[in-house]
Amino acid sequence: MTQYDADHTMGPDHDAHLRRITDRLAADVRAKYRAGQEHHGGRLWEQPGMLDLAYEEILDLAVYVLTAIEQRDTRRRVTGRD
């Protein structure tokens, strides 16, 4: 058991980590939304087919993650490091 397994309470370091993640996510979402609006125009909430587009994005993400895993594994085999 590690120190992380034993204690499930939120402390100041957890709060700071969570704040960094949520601040970054909010900033990235705002920037992406504005860029999409500039590129595509219209009203996103009125566009049909959002579920199909979301599924395509999920598939893209899976490919990116699996490719990154392969790249990491290749580096480990070649260099012995991440």
Protein backbone atom coordinates (compact mmCIF):
# COMPACT_ATOMS: atom_id res chain seq x y z
CA MET A 1 0.00 0.00 0.00
CA THR A 2 1.34 3.44 -0.89
CA GLN A 3 0.79 6.72 0.89
CA TYR A 4 -1.78 7.52 -1.81
CA ASP A 5 -3.81 4.43 -1.01
CA ALA A 6 -4.12 5.15 2.70
CA ASP A 7 -5.39 8.73 2.76
CA HIS A 8 -8.40 9.76 0.70
CA THR A 9 -8.90 13.22 2.17
CA MET A 10 -8.58 16.41 0.18
CA GLY A 11 -5.87 18.73 1.39
CA PRO A 12 -4.51 22.08 0.23
CA ASP A 13 -2.19 20.37 -2.28
CA HIS A 14 -5.19 18.55 -3.80
CA ASP A 15 -7.16 21.77 -3.96
CA ALA A 16 -4.25 23.54 -5.68
CA HIS A 17 -3.91 20.69 -8.18
CA LEU A 18 -7.64 20.72 -8.89
CA ARG A 19 -7.58 24.50 -9.34
CA ARG A 20 -4.72 24.26 -11.87
CA ILE A 21 -6.60 21.61 -13.85
CA THR A 22 -9.95 23.41 -13.85
CA ASP A 23 -8.39 26.80 -14.63
CA ARG A 24 -6.50 25.30 -17.56
CA LEU A 25 -9.58 23.44 -18.80
CA ALA A 26 -11.77 26.55 -18.61
CA ALA A 27 -9.20 28.66 -20.47
CA ASP A 28 -8.75 25.98 -23.14
CA VAL A 29 -12.51 25.56 -23.62
CA ARG A 30 -13.01 29.32 -24.00
CA ALA A 31 -10.18 29.55 -26.54
CA LYS A 32 -11.39 26.50 -28.51
CA TYR A 33 -14.98 27.74 -28.53
CA ARG A 34 -13.96 31.19 -29.78
CA ALA A 35 -11.71 29.67 -32.47
CA GLY A 36 -14.53 27.38 -33.59
CA GLN A 37 -16.95 30.29 -33.73
CA GLU A 38 -14.48 32.29 -35.79
CA HIS A 39 -13.93 29.37 -38.18
CA HIS A 40 -17.46 27.96 -38.48
CA GLY A 41 -19.78 30.78 -37.34
CA GLY A 42 -23.41 30.10 -36.49
CA ARG A 43 -24.85 28.95 -33.21
CA LEU A 44 -23.33 25.74 -31.98
CA TRP A 45 -26.35 24.93 -29.83
CA GLU A 46 -28.56 24.97 -32.92
CA GLN A 47 -26.33 22.76 -35.08
CA PRO A 48 -27.62 19.25 -35.83
CA GLY A 49 -25.42 16.19 -35.58
CA MET A 50 -23.46 17.07 -32.45
CA LEU A 51 -23.59 13.51 -31.13
CA ASP A 52 -22.12 12.08 -34.34
CA LEU A 53 -19.39 14.74 -34.33
CA ALA A 54 -18.61 13.99 -30.69
CA TYR A 55 -18.25 10.28 -31.49
CA GLU A 56 -15.81 11.08 -34.29
CA GLU A 57 -13.78 13.19 -31.86
CA ILE A 58 -13.71 10.28 -29.40
CA LEU A 59 -12.34 8.01 -32.11
CA ASP A 60 -9.67 10.60 -32.96
CA LEU A 61 -8.72 10.82 -29.28
CA ALA A 62 -8.40 7.05 -29.01
CA VAL A 63 -6.03 7.02 -31.99
CA TYR A 64 -3.94 9.85 -30.49
CA VAL A 65 -3.69 8.14 -27.10
CA LEU A 66 -2.79 4.74 -28.54
CA THR A 67 -0.18 6.35 -30.79
CA ALA A 68 1.33 8.18 -27.80
CA ILE A 69 1.44 4.88 -25.87
CA GLU A 70 3.23 3.20 -28.78
CA GLN A 71 5.71 6.08 -28.96
CA ARG A 72 6.36 5.86 -25.21
CA ASP A 73 6.82 2.09 -25.37
CA THR A 74 9.24 2.44 -28.28
CA ARG A 75 11.26 5.05 -26.34
CA ARG A 76 11.36 2.71 -23.34
CA ARG A 77 12.65 -0.15 -25.47
CA VAL A 78 15.26 2.02 -27.18
CA THR A 79 16.42 4.22 -24.30
CA GLY A 80 15.13 2.50 -21.19
CA ARG A 81 13.37 5.74 -20.22
CA ASP A 82 10.04 7.50 -20.82
